[in-house]
Amino acid sequence: MRKIKKKWLILMLVVCLMYIFLGEKLYALTDATDGQKTAKTQVLKQTQVQKKAQQKKKQKQIKAKQTKIVNNLRTYLNSVTSDGTVSVSFYNLDPVSASKAAKSEDARVYQAGALAVSANADTVETSASTYKLFIIAFLMNQKKQGNFTWTDTNTVGFKNMILYSQNEYAESQLVAYGRDLINQFIEDQGWYSPVFSATDYSKTTALSLTKLLCDLADGTGIFSNESDREFILELMRTQVYRDGIPAGAADALSGTTVADKVGFLNDVNNDAGIVTLPNGQRYILVVMTHGHNQSGFSGFPKIATITKKVQQIVYDGK
C-alpha cells in the first residue's frame, strides 16, 4: 500500500513539474508572440507615418511647381494684355489617357485646371468668326433634340464654315432659328450672351470660348456624341488658317497638333484652339486681339508668339 502511494506521489510530482515547465514555456512563447505583434504594430505605424510624410512632401513639391508655373504665366499674360488690346485665356486639360504625360511623375502637376490663368478674359470683344463655335454648339444641341440631321447640305455647310470660315451657312442658321433662340441657348450654357445682335458685330469673351472648348475637348455637355465631336475636331485640325495658335504651338515643339477656329474682321484677329503635345499633354488657349492698325491676318503672328511663350512657360519651364 505504501509502495502504491509512493508511486502516486512520484507521478503527481512529475506531472506538477511538467505542468510548471510547460506553463513557463507557454508564457514565454505568448510573451514572445505579443512582443512580435507589438514590434510589427510599431513598424506598421512608423511606415504609415513615413508614407504620410512622403505624401505631404510630394504634395508640397507639386504645389510649388504649380505655383511657379502659374506665377510665371500670369506675369507674362499681364504684360501682353496690359494695353487692353489683347485678351488671353489658358486652361490646361488632363493629358491624353495612357499617354506618356499621363504616366509621368509630374502628371499630378498638370491636373485639369490646376494651371489655368487668364488676362482680360472676361472683357467683351468682337468675336469675328469664332462665333461659329456657338453656332456649332447650338446645332449639336438641336441634333440631340431631333431637330438636326447630317444632310448633304448640313455636312457641306459645316465643312465650309470650319475649314474655310465661310459665312453663308452660319448666317443661314441665324436666320432659320433666330438670334433670340440661339442667344438664349448660349446663356443657358453659362457662356457670355448675347453673342448676336441686329445692330452690332457678334460679341463674346475669351473665357466663354474656353468653356465651350473644354466641353468639346472632353466630350461633355453638348458634345457628348463621339462621332459628331470627332467630325468637328477633324475639321478644326485641318482648317486652312494656321498662322496663329497652330504656328506658335508647332514652333514651341514640333509634332504638336491644334484643332482651332479663327476669326478675322477689320482690325480683329482671334484664335481659339485645343492643343495636344506629342507626349499627350493638352491645353486650351484663346487669344483675342485688335488695334495696332491690324488688318487682314496681320495680328496672327502676335497670336503665334503668345502661344509659343505660353506653351514654353507651362510645359518647358521657360
C-alpha atoms as a PDB file:
ATOM      1  CA  MET A   1       0.000   0.000   0.000  1.00  0.00           C
ATOM      2  CA  ARG A   2       2.825   2.342   0.899  1.00  0.00           C
ATOM      3  CA  LYS A   3       4.598   1.487  -2.361  1.00  0.00           C
ATOM      4  CA  ILE A   4       1.483   2.390  -4.327  1.00  0.00           C
ATOM      5  CA  LYS A   5       1.122   5.731  -2.511  1.00  0.00           C
ATOM      6  CA  LYS A   6       4.786   6.448  -3.093  1.00  0.00           C
ATOM      7  CA  LYS A   7       4.424   5.765  -6.830  1.00  0.00           C
ATOM      8  CA  TRP A   8       1.378   8.041  -6.954  1.00  0.00           C
ATOM      9  CA  LEU A   9       3.239  10.780  -5.137  1.00  0.00           C
ATOM     10  CA  ILE A  10       6.177  10.495  -7.527  1.00  0.00           C
ATOM     11  CA  LEU A  11       3.812  10.518 -10.506  1.00  0.00           C
ATOM     12  CA  MET A  12       1.986  13.563  -9.206  1.00  0.00           C
ATOM     13  CA  LEU A  13       5.278  15.328  -8.589  1.00  0.00           C
ATOM     14  CA  VAL A  14       6.394  14.595 -12.150  1.00  0.00           C
ATOM     15  CA  VAL A  15       3.083  15.874 -13.510  1.00  0.00           C
ATOM     16  CA  CYS A  16       3.380  19.052 -11.446  1.00  0.00           C
ATOM     17  CA  LEU A  17       6.921  19.638 -12.592  1.00  0.00           C
ATOM     18  CA  MET A  18       5.886  19.099 -16.221  1.00  0.00           C
ATOM     19  CA  TYR A  19       2.934  21.445 -15.784  1.00  0.00           C
ATOM     20  CA  ILE A  20       5.220  24.122 -14.306  1.00  0.00           C
ATOM     21  CA  PHE A  21       7.758  23.616 -17.101  1.00  0.00           C
ATOM     22  CA  LEU A  22       5.195  23.712 -19.874  1.00  0.00           C
ATOM     23  CA  GLY A  23       3.467  26.716 -18.319  1.00  0.00           C
ATOM     24  CA  GLU A  24       6.722  28.670 -18.305  1.00  0.00           C
ATOM     25  CA  LYS A  25       7.353  27.700 -21.938  1.00  0.00           C
ATOM     26  CA  LEU A  26       3.834  28.702 -22.906  1.00  0.00           C
ATOM     27  CA  TYR A  27       4.161  32.001 -21.049  1.00  0.00           C
ATOM     28  CA  ALA A  28       7.484  32.665 -22.729  1.00  0.00           C
ATOM     29  CA  LEU A  29       6.003  31.814 -26.143  1.00  0.00           C
ATOM     30  CA  THR A  30       2.963  34.026 -25.528  1.00  0.00           C
ATOM     31  CA  ASP A  31       5.200  36.824 -24.328  1.00  0.00           C
ATOM     32  CA  ALA A  32       7.375  36.481 -27.433  1.00  0.00           C
ATOM     33  CA  THR A  33       4.328  36.464 -29.718  1.00  0.00           C
ATOM     34  CA  ASP A  34       2.952  39.558 -28.012  1.00  0.00           C
ATOM     35  CA  GLY A  35       6.331  41.175 -28.392  1.00  0.00           C
ATOM     36  CA  GLN A  36       6.427  40.344 -32.094  1.00  0.00           C
ATOM     37  CA  LYS A  37       2.917  41.745 -32.561  1.00  0.00           C
ATOM     38  CA  THR A  38       3.913  44.925 -30.740  1.00  0.00           C
ATOM     39  CA  ALA A  39       7.036  45.230 -32.877  1.00  0.00           C
ATOM     40  CA  LYS A  40       5.046  44.692 -36.075  1.00  0.00           C
ATOM     41  CA  THR A  41       2.489  47.273 -34.968  1.00  0.00           C
ATOM     42  CA  GLN A  42       5.250  49.765 -34.253  1.00  0.00           C
ATOM     43  CA  VAL A  43       6.853  49.107 -37.651  1.00  0.00           C
ATOM     44  CA  LEU A  44       3.464  49.482 -39.369  1.00  0.00           C
ATOM     45  CA  LYS A  45       2.783  52.753 -37.590  1.00  0.00           C
ATOM     46  CA  GLN A  46       6.245  54.008 -38.439  1.00  0.00           C
ATOM     47  CA  THR A  47       5.732  53.039 -42.095  1.00  0.00           C
ATOM     48  CA  GLN A  48       2.390  54.848 -42.183  1.00  0.00           C
ATOM     49  CA  VAL A  49       3.943  57.941 -40.641  1.00  0.00           C
ATOM     50  CA  GLN A  50       6.772  57.856 -43.187  1.00  0.00           C
ATOM     51  CA  LYS A  51       4.305  57.328 -46.032  1.00  0.00           C
ATOM     52  CA  LYS A  52       2.212  60.292 -44.914  1.00  0.00           C
ATOM     53  CA  ALA A  53       5.337  62.404 -44.597  1.00  0.00           C
ATOM     54  CA  GLN A  54       6.415  61.422 -48.110  1.00  0.00           C
ATOM     55  CA  GLN A  55       2.941  62.182 -49.495  1.00  0.00           C
ATOM     56  CA  LYS A  56       2.943  65.546 -47.764  1.00  0.00           C
ATOM     57  CA  LYS A  57       6.404  66.311 -49.134  1.00  0.00           C
ATOM     58  CA  LYS A  58       5.330  65.267 -52.631  1.00  0.00           C
ATOM     59  CA  GLN A  59       2.197  67.406 -52.407  1.00  0.00           C
ATOM     60  CA  LYS A  60       4.302  70.392 -51.384  1.00  0.00           C
ATOM     61  CA  GLN A  61       6.604  69.797 -54.337  1.00  0.00           C
ATOM     62  CA  ILE A  62       3.630  69.575 -56.702  1.00  0.00           C
ATOM     63  CA  LYS A  63       2.127  72.753 -55.268  1.00  0.00           C
ATOM     64  CA  ALA A  64       5.458  74.545 -55.555  1.00  0.00           C
ATOM     65  CA  LYS A  65       5.777  73.588 -59.228  1.00  0.00           C
ATOM     66  CA  GLN A  66       2.203  74.652 -59.936  1.00  0.00           C
ATOM     67  CA  THR A  67       2.680  77.962 -58.160  1.00  0.00           C
ATOM     68  CA  LYS A  68       5.867  78.707 -60.086  1.00  0.00           C
ATOM     69  CA  ILE A  69       4.221  77.958 -63.441  1.00  0.00           C
ATOM     70  CA  VAL A  70       1.082  79.955 -62.635  1.00  0.00           C
ATOM     71  CA  ASN A  71       3.046  82.956 -61.374  1.00  0.00           C
ATOM     72  CA  ASN A  72       5.317  82.999 -64.424  1.00  0.00           C
ATOM     73  CA  LEU A  73       2.364  82.609 -66.771  1.00  0.00           C
ATOM     74  CA  ARG A  74       0.343  85.310 -65.020  1.00  0.00           C
ATOM     75  CA  THR A  75       3.266  87.721 -65.196  1.00  0.00           C
ATOM     76  CA  TYR A  76       3.661  87.099 -68.925  1.00  0.00           C
ATOM     77  CA  LEU A  77      -0.054  87.345 -69.759  1.00  0.00           C
ATOM     78  CA  ASN A  78      -0.430  90.523 -67.732  1.00  0.00           C
ATOM     79  CA  SER A  79       2.395  92.045 -69.759  1.00  0.00           C
ATOM     80  CA  VAL A  80       0.985  91.162 -73.200  1.00  0.00           C
ATOM     81  CA  THR A  81      -2.542  92.300 -72.308  1.00  0.00           C
ATOM     82  CA  SER A  82      -1.599  95.470 -70.437  1.00  0.00           C
ATOM     83  CA  ASP A  83      -2.699  97.890 -73.173  1.00  0.00           C
ATOM     84  CA  GLY A  84      -6.178  96.376 -73.379  1.00  0.00           C
ATOM     85  CA  THR A  85      -5.933  95.214 -76.996  1.00  0.00           C
ATOM     86  CA  VAL A  86      -5.358  91.532 -76.160  1.00  0.00           C
ATOM     87  CA  SER A  87      -7.426  89.011 -74.182  1.00  0.00           C
ATOM     88  CA  VAL A  88      -5.989  85.610 -73.286  1.00  0.00           C
ATOM     89  CA  SER A  89      -7.425  82.546 -71.580  1.00  0.00           C
ATOM     90  CA  PHE A  90      -5.326  79.453 -70.847  1.00  0.00           C
ATOM     91  CA  TYR A  91      -6.714  76.226 -69.403  1.00  0.00           C
ATOM     92  CA  ASN A  92      -4.704  73.021 -69.030  1.00  0.00           C
ATOM     93  CA  LEU A  93      -6.603  69.821 -69.727  1.00  0.00           C
ATOM     94  CA  ASP A  94      -5.877  66.363 -68.361  1.00  0.00           C
ATOM     95  CA  PRO A  95      -3.338  64.615 -70.611  1.00  0.00           C
ATOM     96  CA  VAL A  96      -4.457  62.011 -73.118  1.00  0.00           C
ATOM     97  CA  SER A  97      -5.323  58.766 -71.309  1.00  0.00           C
ATOM     98  CA  ALA A  98      -2.432  56.263 -71.089  1.00  0.00           C
ATOM     99  CA  SER A  99      -0.084  58.751 -72.782  1.00  0.00           C
ATOM    100  CA  LYS A 100       3.500  59.379 -71.719  1.00  0.00           C
ATOM    101  CA  ALA A 101       2.362  62.556 -69.972  1.00  0.00           C
ATOM    102  CA  ALA A 102      -0.390  60.703 -68.106  1.00  0.00           C
ATOM    103  CA  LYS A 103       2.181  58.228 -66.761  1.00  0.00           C
ATOM    104  CA  SER A 104       4.762  60.866 -65.884  1.00  0.00           C
ATOM    105  CA  GLU A 105       5.858  61.575 -62.306  1.00  0.00           C
ATOM    106  CA  ASP A 106       4.643  65.140 -62.892  1.00  0.00           C
ATOM    107  CA  ALA A 107       1.169  64.086 -64.032  1.00  0.00           C
ATOM    108  CA  ARG A 108      -0.408  65.497 -60.865  1.00  0.00           C
ATOM    109  CA  VAL A 109       1.164  68.879 -61.578  1.00  0.00           C
ATOM    110  CA  TYR A 110      -0.927  69.054 -64.741  1.00  0.00           C
ATOM    111  CA  GLN A 111      -4.310  68.044 -63.351  1.00  0.00           C
ATOM    112  CA  ALA A 112      -7.058  69.736 -65.344  1.00  0.00           C
ATOM    113  CA  GLY A 113      -7.442  73.394 -64.454  1.00  0.00           C
ATOM    114  CA  ALA A 114      -4.602  73.450 -61.917  1.00  0.00           C
ATOM    115  CA  LEU A 115      -2.606  75.877 -64.073  1.00  0.00           C
ATOM    116  CA  ALA A 116      -5.459  77.936 -65.542  1.00  0.00           C
ATOM    117  CA  VAL A 117      -4.581  81.608 -65.979  1.00  0.00           C
ATOM    118  CA  SER A 118      -6.315  84.378 -67.878  1.00  0.00           C
ATOM    119  CA  ALA A 119      -5.939  88.074 -68.533  1.00  0.00           C
ATOM    120  CA  ASN A 120      -8.788  90.295 -69.754  1.00  0.00           C
ATOM    121  CA  ALA A 121     -10.655  87.039 -70.396  1.00  0.00           C
ATOM    122  CA  ASP A 122     -13.965  88.498 -69.170  1.00  0.00           C
ATOM    123  CA  THR A 123     -13.656  91.514 -71.454  1.00  0.00           C
ATOM    124  CA  VAL A 124     -16.329  91.527 -74.144  1.00  0.00           C
ATOM    125  CA  GLU A 125     -14.649  91.504 -77.551  1.00  0.00           C
ATOM    126  CA  THR A 126     -15.722  91.350 -81.176  1.00  0.00           C
ATOM    127  CA  SER A 127     -15.829  87.626 -81.867  1.00  0.00           C
ATOM    128  CA  ALA A 128     -15.324  87.713 -85.638  1.00  0.00           C
ATOM    129  CA  SER A 129     -15.751  84.146 -86.944  1.00  0.00           C
ATOM    130  CA  THR A 130     -15.098  82.466 -83.610  1.00  0.00           C
ATOM    131  CA  TYR A 131     -18.872  82.967 -83.173  1.00  0.00           C
ATOM    132  CA  LYS A 132     -19.252  79.927 -85.428  1.00  0.00           C
ATOM    133  CA  LEU A 133     -18.257  77.752 -82.482  1.00  0.00           C
ATOM    134  CA  PHE A 134     -21.503  78.850 -80.810  1.00  0.00           C
ATOM    135  CA  ILE A 135     -23.451  78.015 -83.973  1.00  0.00           C
ATOM    136  CA  ILE A 136     -21.828  74.564 -83.935  1.00  0.00           C
ATOM    137  CA  ALA A 137     -22.750  74.029 -80.284  1.00  0.00           C
ATOM    138  CA  PHE A 138     -26.326  75.197 -80.889  1.00  0.00           C
ATOM    139  CA  LEU A 139     -26.773  72.803 -83.831  1.00  0.00           C
ATOM    140  CA  MET A 140     -25.370  69.877 -81.838  1.00  0.00           C
ATOM    141  CA  ASN A 141     -27.982  70.646 -79.197  1.00  0.00           C
ATOM    142  CA  GLN A 142     -30.639  70.712 -81.901  1.00  0.00           C
ATOM    143  CA  LYS A 143     -29.415  67.312 -83.045  1.00  0.00           C
ATOM    144  CA  LYS A 144     -29.853  65.962 -79.508  1.00  0.00           C
ATOM    145  CA  GLN A 145     -33.443  67.182 -79.657  1.00  0.00           C
ATOM    146  CA  GLY A 146     -34.038  65.551 -83.029  1.00  0.00           C
ATOM    147  CA  ASN A 147     -34.192  68.829 -84.961  1.00  0.00           C
ATOM    148  CA  PHE A 148     -30.951  68.474 -86.936  1.00  0.00           C
ATOM    149  CA  THR A 149     -29.548  65.689 -89.122  1.00  0.00           C
ATOM    150  CA  TRP A 150     -26.460  65.292 -91.250  1.00  0.00           C
ATOM    151  CA  THR A 151     -27.971  66.035 -94.632  1.00  0.00           C
ATOM    152  CA  ASP A 152     -25.627  66.771 -97.527  1.00  0.00           C
ATOM    153  CA  THR A 153     -26.406  70.469 -97.138  1.00  0.00           C
ATOM    154  CA  ASN A 154     -25.556  70.463 -93.434  1.00  0.00           C
ATOM    155  CA  THR A 155     -22.406  68.407 -93.919  1.00  0.00           C
ATOM    156  CA  VAL A 156     -21.085  70.661 -96.666  1.00  0.00           C
ATOM    157  CA  GLY A 157     -22.149  73.726 -94.710  1.00  0.00           C
ATOM    158  CA  PHE A 158     -20.182  72.582 -91.642  1.00  0.00           C
ATOM    159  CA  LYS A 159     -17.109  71.895 -93.735  1.00  0.00           C
ATOM    160  CA  ASN A 160     -17.144  75.294 -95.417  1.00  0.00           C
ATOM    161  CA  MET A 161     -17.895  77.055 -92.123  1.00  0.00           C
ATOM    162  CA  ILE A 162     -14.976  75.456 -90.269  1.00  0.00           C
ATOM    163  CA  LEU A 163     -12.389  74.680 -92.928  1.00  0.00           C
ATOM    164  CA  TYR A 164     -12.615  77.994 -94.764  1.00  0.00           C
ATOM    165  CA  SER A 165     -14.521  80.146 -92.243  1.00  0.00           C
ATOM    166  CA  GLN A 166     -17.175  80.916 -94.850  1.00  0.00           C
ATOM    167  CA  ASN A 167     -20.162  82.851 -93.528  1.00  0.00           C
ATOM    168  CA  GLU A 168     -23.095  81.676 -95.645  1.00  0.00           C
ATOM    169  CA  TYR A 169     -24.040  78.552 -93.702  1.00  0.00           C
ATOM    170  CA  ALA A 170     -23.697  80.169 -90.246  1.00  0.00           C
ATOM    171  CA  GLU A 171     -25.762  83.150 -91.350  1.00  0.00           C
ATOM    172  CA  SER A 172     -28.438  80.878 -92.771  1.00  0.00           C
ATOM    173  CA  GLN A 173     -28.762  79.154 -89.392  1.00  0.00           C
ATOM    174  CA  LEU A 174     -29.111  82.502 -87.644  1.00  0.00           C
ATOM    175  CA  VAL A 175     -31.970  83.331 -89.970  1.00  0.00           C
ATOM    176  CA  ALA A 176     -33.572  79.887 -89.677  1.00  0.00           C
ATOM    177  CA  TYR A 177     -33.556  79.699 -85.867  1.00  0.00           C
ATOM    178  CA  GLY A 178     -33.408  83.357 -84.952  1.00  0.00           C
ATOM    179  CA  ARG A 179     -30.867  85.276 -82.880  1.00  0.00           C
ATOM    180  CA  ASP A 180     -33.003  85.257 -79.739  1.00  0.00           C
ATOM    181  CA  LEU A 181     -33.264  81.470 -79.552  1.00  0.00           C
ATOM    182  CA  ILE A 182     -29.539  80.993 -80.170  1.00  0.00           C
ATOM    183  CA  ASN A 183     -28.599  83.700 -77.664  1.00  0.00           C
ATOM    184  CA  GLN A 184     -30.842  82.056 -75.064  1.00  0.00           C
ATOM    185  CA  PHE A 185     -29.195  78.703 -75.665  1.00  0.00           C
ATOM    186  CA  ILE A 186     -25.770  80.294 -75.203  1.00  0.00           C
ATOM    187  CA  GLU A 187     -26.886  81.952 -71.963  1.00  0.00           C
ATOM    188  CA  ASP A 188     -28.270  78.635 -70.698  1.00  0.00           C
ATOM    189  CA  GLN A 189     -24.805  77.088 -71.077  1.00  0.00           C
ATOM    190  CA  GLY A 190     -23.308  79.737 -68.808  1.00  0.00           C
ATOM    191  CA  TRP A 191     -21.468  81.443 -71.662  1.00  0.00           C
ATOM    192  CA  TYR A 192     -21.472  85.167 -72.348  1.00  0.00           C
ATOM    193  CA  SER A 193     -24.669  86.310 -74.048  1.00  0.00           C
ATOM    194  CA  PRO A 194     -25.943  87.962 -76.159  1.00  0.00           C
ATOM    195  CA  VAL A 195     -23.426  86.986 -78.793  1.00  0.00           C
ATOM    196  CA  PHE A 196     -25.655  88.040 -81.695  1.00  0.00           C
ATOM    197  CA  SER A 197     -27.180  91.466 -82.277  1.00  0.00           C
ATOM    198  CA  ALA A 198     -29.175  93.072 -85.071  1.00  0.00           C
ATOM    199  CA  THR A 199     -27.172  96.290 -84.774  1.00  0.00           C
ATOM    200  CA  ASP A 200     -23.592  95.277 -83.977  1.00  0.00           C
ATOM    201  CA  TYR A 201     -20.929  92.686 -84.699  1.00  0.00           C
ATOM    202  CA  SER A 202     -21.131  89.437 -82.722  1.00  0.00           C
ATOM    203  CA  LYS A 203     -19.518  89.632 -79.289  1.00  0.00           C
ATOM    204  CA  THR A 204     -18.034  87.143 -76.824  1.00  0.00           C
ATOM    205  CA  THR A 205     -15.245  86.704 -74.281  1.00  0.00           C
ATOM    206  CA  ALA A 206     -12.106  84.595 -74.244  1.00  0.00           C
ATOM    207  CA  LEU A 207     -13.431  82.833 -71.147  1.00  0.00           C
ATOM    208  CA  SER A 208     -16.687  81.817 -72.853  1.00  0.00           C
ATOM    209  CA  LEU A 209     -14.802  80.363 -75.808  1.00  0.00           C
ATOM    210  CA  THR A 210     -12.590  78.466 -73.362  1.00  0.00           C
ATOM    211  CA  LYS A 211     -15.585  76.951 -71.593  1.00  0.00           C
ATOM    212  CA  LEU A 212     -17.087  75.825 -74.905  1.00  0.00           C
ATOM    213  CA  LEU A 213     -13.793  74.266 -75.990  1.00  0.00           C
ATOM    214  CA  CYS A 214     -13.498  72.435 -72.662  1.00  0.00           C
ATOM    215  CA  ASP A 215     -16.746  70.613 -73.418  1.00  0.00           C
ATOM    216  CA  LEU A 216     -15.609  69.899 -76.967  1.00  0.00           C
ATOM    217  CA  ALA A 217     -12.211  68.627 -75.848  1.00  0.00           C
ATOM    218  CA  ASP A 218     -13.630  66.334 -73.161  1.00  0.00           C
ATOM    219  CA  GLY A 219     -16.766  65.203 -74.985  1.00  0.00           C
ATOM    220  CA  THR A 220     -19.092  66.574 -72.324  1.00  0.00           C
ATOM    221  CA  GLY A 221     -22.298  68.602 -72.365  1.00  0.00           C
ATOM    222  CA  ILE A 222     -23.439  69.458 -75.877  1.00  0.00           C
ATOM    223  CA  PHE A 223     -20.556  67.486 -77.401  1.00  0.00           C
ATOM    224  CA  SER A 224     -21.224  64.075 -75.855  1.00  0.00           C
ATOM    225  CA  ASN A 225     -21.802  62.390 -79.242  1.00  0.00           C
ATOM    226  CA  GLU A 226     -18.354  60.961 -80.038  1.00  0.00           C
ATOM    227  CA  SER A 227     -18.880  60.665 -83.792  1.00  0.00           C
ATOM    228  CA  ASP A 228     -20.080  64.262 -84.142  1.00  0.00           C
ATOM    229  CA  ARG A 229     -17.346  65.503 -81.844  1.00  0.00           C
ATOM    230  CA  GLU A 230     -14.589  63.795 -83.836  1.00  0.00           C
ATOM    231  CA  PHE A 231     -16.028  65.113 -87.108  1.00  0.00           C
ATOM    232  CA  ILE A 232     -15.893  68.682 -85.749  1.00  0.00           C
ATOM    233  CA  LEU A 233     -12.397  68.287 -84.284  1.00  0.00           C
ATOM    234  CA  GLU A 234     -11.010  66.848 -87.509  1.00  0.00           C
ATOM    235  CA  LEU A 235     -12.340  69.836 -89.444  1.00  0.00           C
ATOM    236  CA  MET A 236     -10.765  72.168 -86.892  1.00  0.00           C
ATOM    237  CA  ARG A 237      -7.432  70.311 -87.130  1.00  0.00           C
ATOM    238  CA  THR A 238      -7.382  70.842 -90.896  1.00  0.00           C
ATOM    239  CA  GLN A 239      -8.864  74.349 -91.211  1.00  0.00           C
ATOM    240  CA  VAL A 240      -6.699  76.451 -93.529  1.00  0.00           C
ATOM    241  CA  TYR A 241      -5.814  79.468 -91.348  1.00  0.00           C
ATOM    242  CA  ARG A 242      -2.848  78.232 -89.329  1.00  0.00           C
ATOM    243  CA  ASP A 243      -0.605  81.234 -88.690  1.00  0.00           C
ATOM    244  CA  GLY A 244      -1.834  81.793 -85.136  1.00  0.00           C
ATOM    245  CA  ILE A 245      -2.051  79.125 -82.423  1.00  0.00           C
ATOM    246  CA  PRO A 246      -1.009  76.227 -84.749  1.00  0.00           C
ATOM    247  CA  ALA A 247       2.150  78.053 -85.851  1.00  0.00           C
ATOM    248  CA  GLY A 248       3.154  79.098 -82.342  1.00  0.00           C
ATOM    249  CA  ALA A 249       2.494  75.683 -80.800  1.00  0.00           C
ATOM    250  CA  ALA A 250       4.482  73.880 -83.502  1.00  0.00           C
ATOM    251  CA  ASP A 251       7.308  76.389 -83.176  1.00  0.00           C
ATOM    252  CA  ALA A 252       7.465  75.655 -79.448  1.00  0.00           C
ATOM    253  CA  LEU A 253       7.503  71.900 -80.073  1.00  0.00           C
ATOM    254  CA  SER A 254       7.445  70.092 -83.393  1.00  0.00           C
ATOM    255  CA  GLY A 255       4.680  67.499 -83.690  1.00  0.00           C
ATOM    256  CA  THR A 256       2.174  69.464 -81.636  1.00  0.00           C
ATOM    257  CA  THR A 257      -1.343  69.349 -83.107  1.00  0.00           C
ATOM    258  CA  VAL A 258      -4.032  72.016 -82.913  1.00  0.00           C
ATOM    259  CA  ALA A 259      -7.787  71.963 -83.507  1.00  0.00           C
ATOM    260  CA  ASP A 260      -8.821  75.613 -83.709  1.00  0.00           C
ATOM    261  CA  LYS A 261     -11.254  78.177 -85.036  1.00  0.00           C
ATOM    262  CA  VAL A 262     -10.039  81.599 -86.124  1.00  0.00           C
ATOM    263  CA  GLY A 263     -11.798  84.912 -86.567  1.00  0.00           C
ATOM    264  CA  PHE A 264     -10.732  87.958 -88.562  1.00  0.00           C
ATOM    265  CA  LEU A 265     -12.690  91.151 -89.178  1.00  0.00           C
ATOM    266  CA  ASN A 266     -11.319  94.661 -89.768  1.00  0.00           C
ATOM    267  CA  ASP A 267      -8.597  95.047 -87.087  1.00  0.00           C
ATOM    268  CA  VAL A 268      -9.719  91.938 -85.163  1.00  0.00           C
ATOM    269  CA  ASN A 269      -7.695  88.710 -85.242  1.00  0.00           C
ATOM    270  CA  ASN A 270      -8.800  85.921 -82.880  1.00  0.00           C
ATOM    271  CA  ASP A 271      -7.892  82.279 -82.409  1.00  0.00           C
ATOM    272  CA  ALA A 272      -9.399  79.643 -80.118  1.00  0.00           C
ATOM    273  CA  GLY A 273      -7.850  76.184 -80.036  1.00  0.00           C
ATOM    274  CA  ILE A 274      -7.330  72.832 -78.390  1.00  0.00           C
ATOM    275  CA  VAL A 275      -3.635  71.935 -78.379  1.00  0.00           C
ATOM    276  CA  THR A 276      -2.133  68.452 -77.972  1.00  0.00           C
ATOM    277  CA  LEU A 277       1.600  67.936 -77.433  1.00  0.00           C
ATOM    278  CA  PRO A 278       3.405  64.815 -78.711  1.00  0.00           C
ATOM    279  CA  ASN A 279       3.626  63.408 -75.163  1.00  0.00           C
ATOM    280  CA  GLY A 280      -0.128  63.720 -74.645  1.00  0.00           C
ATOM    281  CA  GLN A 281      -0.303  66.970 -72.692  1.00  0.00           C
ATOM    282  CA  ARG A 282      -3.310  69.069 -73.721  1.00  0.00           C
ATOM    283  CA  TYR A 283      -4.426  72.626 -73.215  1.00  0.00           C
ATOM    284  CA  ILE A 284      -6.922  75.195 -74.429  1.00  0.00           C
ATOM    285  CA  LEU A 285      -5.791  78.638 -75.495  1.00  0.00           C
ATOM    286  CA  VAL A 286      -7.900  81.568 -76.648  1.00  0.00           C
ATOM    287  CA  VAL A 287      -6.223  84.761 -77.859  1.00  0.00           C
ATOM    288  CA  MET A 288      -8.310  87.731 -78.995  1.00  0.00           C
ATOM    289  CA  THR A 289      -6.572  90.787 -80.463  1.00  0.00           C
ATOM    290  CA  HIS A 290      -7.469  94.138 -82.020  1.00  0.00           C
ATOM    291  CA  GLY A 291      -5.981  97.579 -82.602  1.00  0.00           C
ATOM    292  CA  HIS A 292      -2.398  98.486 -83.527  1.00  0.00           C
ATOM    293  CA  ASN A 293      -3.504  99.070 -87.127  1.00  0.00           C
ATOM    294  CA  GLN A 294      -4.102  95.362 -87.656  1.00  0.00           C
ATOM    295  CA  SER A 295      -5.774  94.339 -90.889  1.00  0.00           C
ATOM    296  CA  GLY A 296      -6.372  91.101 -92.735  1.00  0.00           C
ATOM    297  CA  PHE A 297      -4.266  88.488 -90.959  1.00  0.00           C
ATOM    298  CA  SER A 298      -1.563  90.807 -89.607  1.00  0.00           C
ATOM    299  CA  GLY A 299      -2.351  90.023 -85.964  1.00  0.00           C
ATOM    300  CA  PHE A 300      -1.828  86.279 -86.227  1.00  0.00           C
ATOM    301  CA  PRO A 301       1.981  86.395 -85.819  1.00  0.00           C
ATOM    302  CA  LYS A 302       1.341  88.078 -82.441  1.00  0.00           C
ATOM    303  CA  ILE A 303      -1.018  85.222 -81.528  1.00  0.00           C
ATOM    304  CA  ALA A 304       1.666  82.725 -82.580  1.00  0.00           C
ATOM    305  CA  THR A 305       4.253  84.483 -80.402  1.00  0.00           C
ATOM    306  CA  ILE A 306       1.934  84.438 -77.387  1.00  0.00           C
ATOM    307  CA  THR A 307       1.127  80.763 -77.973  1.00  0.00           C
ATOM    308  CA  LYS A 308       4.776  79.770 -78.174  1.00  0.00           C
ATOM    309  CA  LYS A 309       5.679  81.572 -74.966  1.00  0.00           C
ATOM    310  CA  VAL A 310       2.661  80.219 -73.068  1.00  0.00           C
ATOM    311  CA  GLN A 311       3.489  76.665 -74.089  1.00  0.00           C
ATOM    312  CA  GLN A 312       7.132  77.077 -73.114  1.00  0.00           C
ATOM    313  CA  ILE A 313       6.268  78.531 -69.708  1.00  0.00           C
ATOM    314  CA  VAL A 314       3.794  75.805 -68.839  1.00  0.00           C
ATOM    315  CA  TYR A 315       5.410  72.714 -70.353  1.00  0.00           C
ATOM    316  CA  ASP A 316       9.101  73.579 -70.703  1.00  0.00           C
ATOM    317  CA  GLY A 317       9.614  75.709 -67.616  1.00  0.00           C
ATOM    318  CA  LYS A 318      10.981  78.610 -69.679  1.00  0.00           C
END
